[in-house]
PDB file of N, CA and C in Angstrom:
ATOM      1  N   UNK A   1     124.797 110.173  87.608  1.00  0.00           N
ATOM      2  CA  UNK A   1     124.237 109.476  87.542  1.00  0.00           C
ATOM      3  C   UNK A   1     123.100 108.830  88.115  1.00  0.00           C
ATOM      4  N   UNK A   2     123.481 108.388  89.306  1.00  0.00           N
ATOM      5  CA  UNK A   2     122.960 107.172  89.984  1.00  0.00           C
ATOM      6  C   UNK A   2     121.872 108.192  90.702  1.00  0.00           C
ATOM      7  N   UNK A   3     121.942 109.209  90.989  1.00  0.00           N
ATOM      8  CA  UNK A   3     121.031 110.082  91.565  1.00  0.00           C
ATOM      9  C   UNK A   3     119.545 109.540  90.043  1.00  0.00           C
ATOM     10  N   UNK A   4     120.003 109.708  88.927  1.00  0.00           N
ATOM     11  CA  UNK A   4     119.041 110.843  88.835  1.00  0.00           C
ATOM     12  C   UNK A   4     118.387 109.253  88.103  1.00  0.00           C
ATOM     13  N   UNK A   5     119.371 107.945  88.152  1.00  0.00           N
ATOM     14  CA  UNK A   5     118.056 106.996  88.262  1.00  0.00           C
ATOM     15  C   UNK A   5     117.997 106.788  89.037  1.00  0.00           C
ATOM     16  N   UNK A   6     118.195 106.594  90.529  1.00  0.00           N
ATOM     17  CA  UNK A   6     116.849 106.572  91.988  1.00  0.00           C
ATOM     18  C   UNK A   6     115.786 107.214  91.265  1.00  0.00           C
ATOM     19  N   UNK A   7     115.997 109.151  90.715  1.00  0.00           N
ATOM     20  CA  UNK A   7     114.102 109.354  90.502  1.00  0.00           C
ATOM     21  C   UNK A   7     113.853 109.046  89.369  1.00  0.00           C
ATOM     22  N   UNK A   8     114.359 108.228  88.100  1.00  0.00           N
ATOM     23  CA  UNK A   8     113.480 107.585  86.933  1.00  0.00           C
ATOM     24  C   UNK A   8     113.421 107.251  87.676  1.00  0.00           C
ATOM     25  N   UNK A   9     113.630 105.785  88.913  1.00  0.00           N
ATOM     26  CA  UNK A   9     112.564 104.430  89.102  1.00  0.00           C
ATOM     27  C   UNK A   9     111.886 105.170  90.540  1.00  0.00           C
ATOM     28  N   UNK A  10     111.622 106.018  91.235  1.00  0.00           N
ATOM     29  CA  UNK A  10     110.817 105.985  92.068  1.00  0.00           C
ATOM     30  C   UNK A  10     109.754 106.553  91.321  1.00  0.00           C
ATOM     31  N   UNK A  11     109.938 107.187  90.536  1.00  0.00           N
ATOM     32  CA  UNK A  11     108.714 107.911  89.372  1.00  0.00           C
ATOM     33  C   UNK A  11     107.868 106.479  88.853  1.00  0.00           C
ATOM     34  N   UNK A  12     108.338 105.761  88.261  1.00  0.00           N
ATOM     35  CA  UNK A  12     107.752 104.539  87.354  1.00  0.00           C
ATOM     36  C   UNK A  12     107.568 103.988  88.833  1.00  0.00           C
ATOM     37  N   UNK A  13     107.785 103.671  89.956  1.00  0.00           N
ATOM     38  CA  UNK A  13     106.887 103.487  91.016  1.00  0.00           C
ATOM     39  C   UNK A  13     105.443 103.903  91.821  1.00  0.00           C
ATOM     40  N   UNK A  14     106.296 105.095  91.875  1.00  0.00           N
ATOM     41  CA  UNK A  14     105.255 106.065  91.822  1.00  0.00           C
ATOM     42  C   UNK A  14     103.923 105.909  90.368  1.00  0.00           C
ATOM     43  N   UNK A  15     104.082 106.028  89.500  1.00  0.00           N
ATOM     44  CA  UNK A  15     103.524 105.872  87.710  1.00  0.00           C
ATOM     45  C   UNK A  15     102.053 104.655  88.239  1.00  0.00           C
ATOM     46  N   UNK A  16     103.280 103.841  88.616  1.00  0.00           N
ATOM     47  CA  UNK A  16     102.350 102.631  88.872  1.00  0.00           C
ATOM     48  C   UNK A  16     101.449 102.207  89.964  1.00  0.00           C
ATOM     49  N   UNK A  17     101.688 102.854  91.058  1.00  0.00           N
ATOM     50  CA  UNK A  17     100.666 103.221  92.076  1.00  0.00           C
ATOM     51  C   UNK A  17      99.080 104.088  91.812  1.00  0.00           C
ATOM     52  N   UNK A  18      99.891 105.066  91.485  1.00  0.00           N
ATOM     53  CA  UNK A  18      98.674 105.843  90.829  1.00  0.00           C
ATOM     54  C   UNK A  18      97.809 105.116  90.310  1.00  0.00           C
ATOM     55  N   UNK A  19      98.372 104.388  88.840  1.00  0.00           N
ATOM     56  CA  UNK A  19      97.344 104.218  88.124  1.00  0.00           C
ATOM     57  C   UNK A  19      96.995 102.981  88.521  1.00  0.00           C
ATOM     58  N   UNK A  20      97.173 101.915  89.913  1.00  0.00           N
ATOM     59  CA  UNK A  20      96.393 101.088  90.266  1.00  0.00           C
ATOM     60  C   UNK A  20      95.480 101.970  90.829  1.00  0.00           C
ATOM     61  N   UNK A  21      95.737 102.861  91.671  1.00  0.00           N
ATOM     62  CA  UNK A  21      94.730 103.735  92.606  1.00  0.00           C
ATOM     63  C   UNK A  21      93.488 104.110  91.407  1.00  0.00           C
ATOM     64  N   UNK A  22      94.006 104.589  90.775  1.00  0.00           N
ATOM     65  CA  UNK A  22      92.539 104.888  89.938  1.00  0.00           C
ATOM     66  C   UNK A  22      92.050 103.835  89.160  1.00  0.00           C
ATOM     67  N   UNK A  23      92.467 102.973  88.796  1.00  0.00           N
ATOM     68  CA  UNK A  23      91.969 101.217  88.689  1.00  0.00           C
ATOM     69  C   UNK A  23      90.992 100.695  89.460  1.00  0.00           C
ATOM     70  N   UNK A  24      91.543 101.129  90.762  1.00  0.00           N
ATOM     71  CA  UNK A  24      90.460 100.314  92.390  1.00  0.00           C
ATOM     72  C   UNK A  24      89.292 101.582  92.597  1.00  0.00           C
ATOM     73  N   UNK A  25      89.513 102.534  92.050  1.00  0.00           N
ATOM     74  CA  UNK A  25      88.389 104.013  92.786  1.00  0.00           C
ATOM     75  C   UNK A  25      87.572 103.361  91.507  1.00  0.00           C
ATOM     76  N   UNK A  26      87.740 103.589  90.051  1.00  0.00           N
ATOM     77  CA  UNK A  26      86.868 103.318  88.782  1.00  0.00           C
ATOM     78  C   UNK A  26      86.050 101.953  89.565  1.00  0.00           C
ATOM     79  N   UNK A  27      86.649 100.964  89.574  1.00  0.00           N
ATOM     80  CA  UNK A  27      86.303  99.867  89.259  1.00  0.00           C
ATOM     81  C   UNK A  27      85.327  99.605  91.178  1.00  0.00           C
ATOM     82  N   UNK A  28      85.359 100.677  92.093  1.00  0.00           N
ATOM     83  CA  UNK A  28      84.305 101.134  93.319  1.00  0.00           C
ATOM     84  C   UNK A  28      83.433 101.841  92.612  1.00  0.00           C
ATOM     85  N   UNK A  29      83.179 102.200  92.077  1.00  0.00           N
ATOM     86  CA  UNK A  29      82.111 103.177  91.241  1.00  0.00           C
ATOM     87  C   UNK A  29      81.372 102.854  90.297  1.00  0.00           C
ATOM     88  N   UNK A  30      82.119 101.838  89.722  1.00  0.00           N
ATOM     89  CA  UNK A  30      81.545 100.984  88.612  1.00  0.00           C
ATOM     90  C   UNK A  30      81.508  99.517  88.586  1.00  0.00           C
ATOM     91  N   UNK A  31      80.455  98.821  88.847  1.00  0.00           N
ATOM     92  CA  UNK A  31      80.847  97.577  89.917  1.00  0.00           C
ATOM     93  C   UNK A  31      80.497  96.418  88.468  1.00  0.00           C
ATOM     94  N   UNK A  32      80.117  97.079  87.378  1.00  0.00           N
ATOM     95  CA  UNK A  32      80.644  96.033  85.916  1.00  0.00           C
ATOM     96  C   UNK A  32      82.267  95.889  85.515  1.00  0.00           C
ATOM     97  N   UNK A  33      83.229  96.436  86.175  1.00  0.00           N
ATOM     98  CA  UNK A  33      84.111  96.483  85.989  1.00  0.00           C
ATOM     99  C   UNK A  33      84.684  95.332  86.826  1.00  0.00           C
ATOM    100  N   UNK A  34      84.992  94.183  85.623  1.00  0.00           N
ATOM    101  CA  UNK A  34      86.366  93.126  86.875  1.00  0.00           C
ATOM    102  C   UNK A  34      87.081  93.877  87.429  1.00  0.00           C
ATOM    103  N   UNK A  35      87.635  93.036  88.287  1.00  0.00           N
ATOM    104  CA  UNK A  35      88.684  93.027  89.824  1.00  0.00           C
ATOM    105  C   UNK A  35      90.074  92.814  88.186  1.00  0.00           C
ATOM    106  N   UNK A  36      89.567  92.076  88.023  1.00  0.00           N
ATOM    107  CA  UNK A  36      90.571  91.080  87.392  1.00  0.00           C
ATOM    108  C   UNK A  36      91.041  92.520  86.417  1.00  0.00           C
ATOM    109  N   UNK A  37      91.067  94.007  85.963  1.00  0.00           N
ATOM    110  CA  UNK A  37      91.423  94.429  85.412  1.00  0.00           C
ATOM    111  C   UNK A  37      92.839  94.881  86.121  1.00  0.00           C
ATOM    112  N   UNK A  38      92.954  94.821  87.211  1.00  0.00           N
ATOM    113  CA  UNK A  38      93.895  95.518  88.195  1.00  0.00           C
ATOM    114  C   UNK A  38      94.548  94.414  89.004  1.00  0.00           C
ATOM    115  N   UNK A  39      93.943  93.421  89.157  1.00  0.00           N
ATOM    116  CA  UNK A  39      94.411  92.620  90.193  1.00  0.00           C
ATOM    117  C   UNK A  39      94.669  90.540  89.583  1.00  0.00           C
ATOM    118  N   UNK A  40      95.171  90.088  90.016  1.00  0.00           N
ATOM    119  CA  UNK A  40      95.558  89.024  89.708  1.00  0.00           C
ATOM    120  C   UNK A  40      94.401  88.121  90.173  1.00  0.00           C
ATOM    121  N   UNK A  41      94.295  86.287  89.097  1.00  0.00           N
ATOM    122  CA  UNK A  41      93.479  85.656  90.566  1.00  0.00           C
ATOM    123  C   UNK A  41      94.086  85.614  91.734  1.00  0.00           C
ATOM    124  N   UNK A  42      95.397  85.177  92.652  1.00  0.00           N
ATOM    125  CA  UNK A  42      95.777  85.489  94.133  1.00  0.00           C
ATOM    126  C   UNK A  42      95.875  86.149  94.606  1.00  0.00           C
ATOM    127  N   UNK A  43      95.899  87.359  93.509  1.00  0.00           N
ATOM    128  CA  UNK A  43      95.799  88.944  94.786  1.00  0.00           C
ATOM    129  C   UNK A  43      94.121  88.991  94.789  1.00  0.00           C
ATOM    130  N   UNK A  44      93.353  88.470  94.176  1.00  0.00           N
ATOM    131  CA  UNK A  44      92.252  88.448  94.000  1.00  0.00           C
ATOM    132  C   UNK A  44      91.350  87.731  95.413  1.00  0.00           C
ATOM    133  N   UNK A  45      92.233  86.482  95.884  1.00  0.00           N
ATOM    134  CA  UNK A  45      91.828  86.126  97.028  1.00  0.00           C
ATOM    135  C   UNK A  45      92.591  86.160  98.051  1.00  0.00           C
ATOM    136  N   UNK A  46      93.536  87.013  97.949  1.00  0.00           N
ATOM    137  CA  UNK A  46      94.300  87.388  99.146  1.00  0.00           C
ATOM    138  C   UNK A  46      92.691  88.269 100.510  1.00  0.00           C
ATOM    139  N   UNK A  47      92.201  89.559 100.161  1.00  0.00           N
ATOM    140  CA  UNK A  47      91.607  89.856 100.860  1.00  0.00           C
ATOM    141  C   UNK A  47      91.254  88.677 101.566  1.00  0.00           C
ATOM    142  N   UNK A  48      90.158  87.972 101.050  1.00  0.00           N
ATOM    143  CA  UNK A  48      88.858  86.928 101.698  1.00  0.00           C
ATOM    144  C   UNK A  48      89.772  85.949 102.603  1.00  0.00           C
ATOM    145  N   UNK A  49      91.266  86.134 102.597  1.00  0.00           N
ATOM    146  CA  UNK A  49      92.284  84.818 103.570  1.00  0.00           C
ATOM    147  C   UNK A  49      92.407  85.946 104.705  1.00  0.00           C
ATOM    148  N   UNK A  50      92.751  87.727 104.253  1.00  0.00           N
ATOM    149  CA  UNK A  50      92.698  88.068 105.558  1.00  0.00           C
ATOM    150  C   UNK A  50      92.128  88.530 105.981  1.00  0.00           C
ATOM    151  N   UNK A  51      90.703  88.611 105.609  1.00  0.00           N
ATOM    152  CA  UNK A  51      89.699  89.559 106.503  1.00  0.00           C
ATOM    153  C   UNK A  51      89.311  88.877 107.405  1.00  0.00           C
ATOM    154  N   UNK A  52      88.897  87.970 107.922  1.00  0.00           N
ATOM    155  CA  UNK A  52      88.720  87.093 109.625  1.00  0.00           C
ATOM    156  C   UNK A  52      90.126  87.273 110.250  1.00  0.00           C
ATOM    157  N   UNK A  53      91.142  87.681 110.036  1.00  0.00           N
ATOM    158  CA  UNK A  53      91.832  87.883 111.218  1.00  0.00           C
ATOM    159  C   UNK A  53      92.521  89.528 111.501  1.00  0.00           C
ATOM    160  N   UNK A  54      91.810  90.073 110.121  1.00  0.00           N
ATOM    161  CA  UNK A  54      91.172  91.581 110.912  1.00  0.00           C
ATOM    162  C   UNK A  54      89.808  91.751 111.027  1.00  0.00           C
ATOM    163  N   UNK A  55      88.771  91.325 111.319  1.00  0.00           N
ATOM    164  CA  UNK A  55      87.489  91.251 111.477  1.00  0.00           C
ATOM    165  C   UNK A  55      87.766  91.729 112.875  1.00  0.00           C
ATOM    166  N   UNK A  56      87.313  93.090 113.279  1.00  0.00           N
ATOM    167  CA  UNK A  56      86.511  93.454 114.923  1.00  0.00           C
ATOM    168  C   UNK A  56      85.439  92.888 115.716  1.00  0.00           C
ATOM    169  N   UNK A  57      85.226  92.373 116.454  1.00  0.00           N
ATOM    170  CA  UNK A  57      84.000  92.245 116.957  1.00  0.00           C
ATOM    171  C   UNK A  57      82.495  93.293 117.371  1.00  0.00           C
ATOM    172  N   UNK A  58      82.605  94.481 116.228  1.00  0.00           N
ATOM    173  CA  UNK A  58      82.133  95.017 116.125  1.00  0.00           C
ATOM    174  C   UNK A  58      80.150  94.271 115.458  1.00  0.00           C
ATOM    175  N   UNK A  59      79.460  94.595 116.274  1.00  0.00           N
ATOM    176  CA  UNK A  59      77.935  93.561 115.873  1.00  0.00           C
ATOM    177  C   UNK A  59      78.010  94.378 114.118  1.00  0.00           C
ATOM    178  N   UNK A  60      77.769  93.728 113.072  1.00  0.00           N
ATOM    179  CA  UNK A  60      76.905  94.776 112.142  1.00  0.00           C
ATOM    180  C   UNK A  60      75.261  94.390 111.794  1.00  0.00           C
TER     181      UNK A  60
END
């Protein structure tokens, strides 16, 4: 029974990731959709805080 519970938990996790991925693709392709559909306000702030540390030295 423990094996079945583990598989069920992994299935729920995989479905959650798949739905979020589909929402992000839809948001990318349709800019009228707000990011708040997928991400909380705190999650929306994260990329702007991380971006400077990930920026390369390539001129744009």
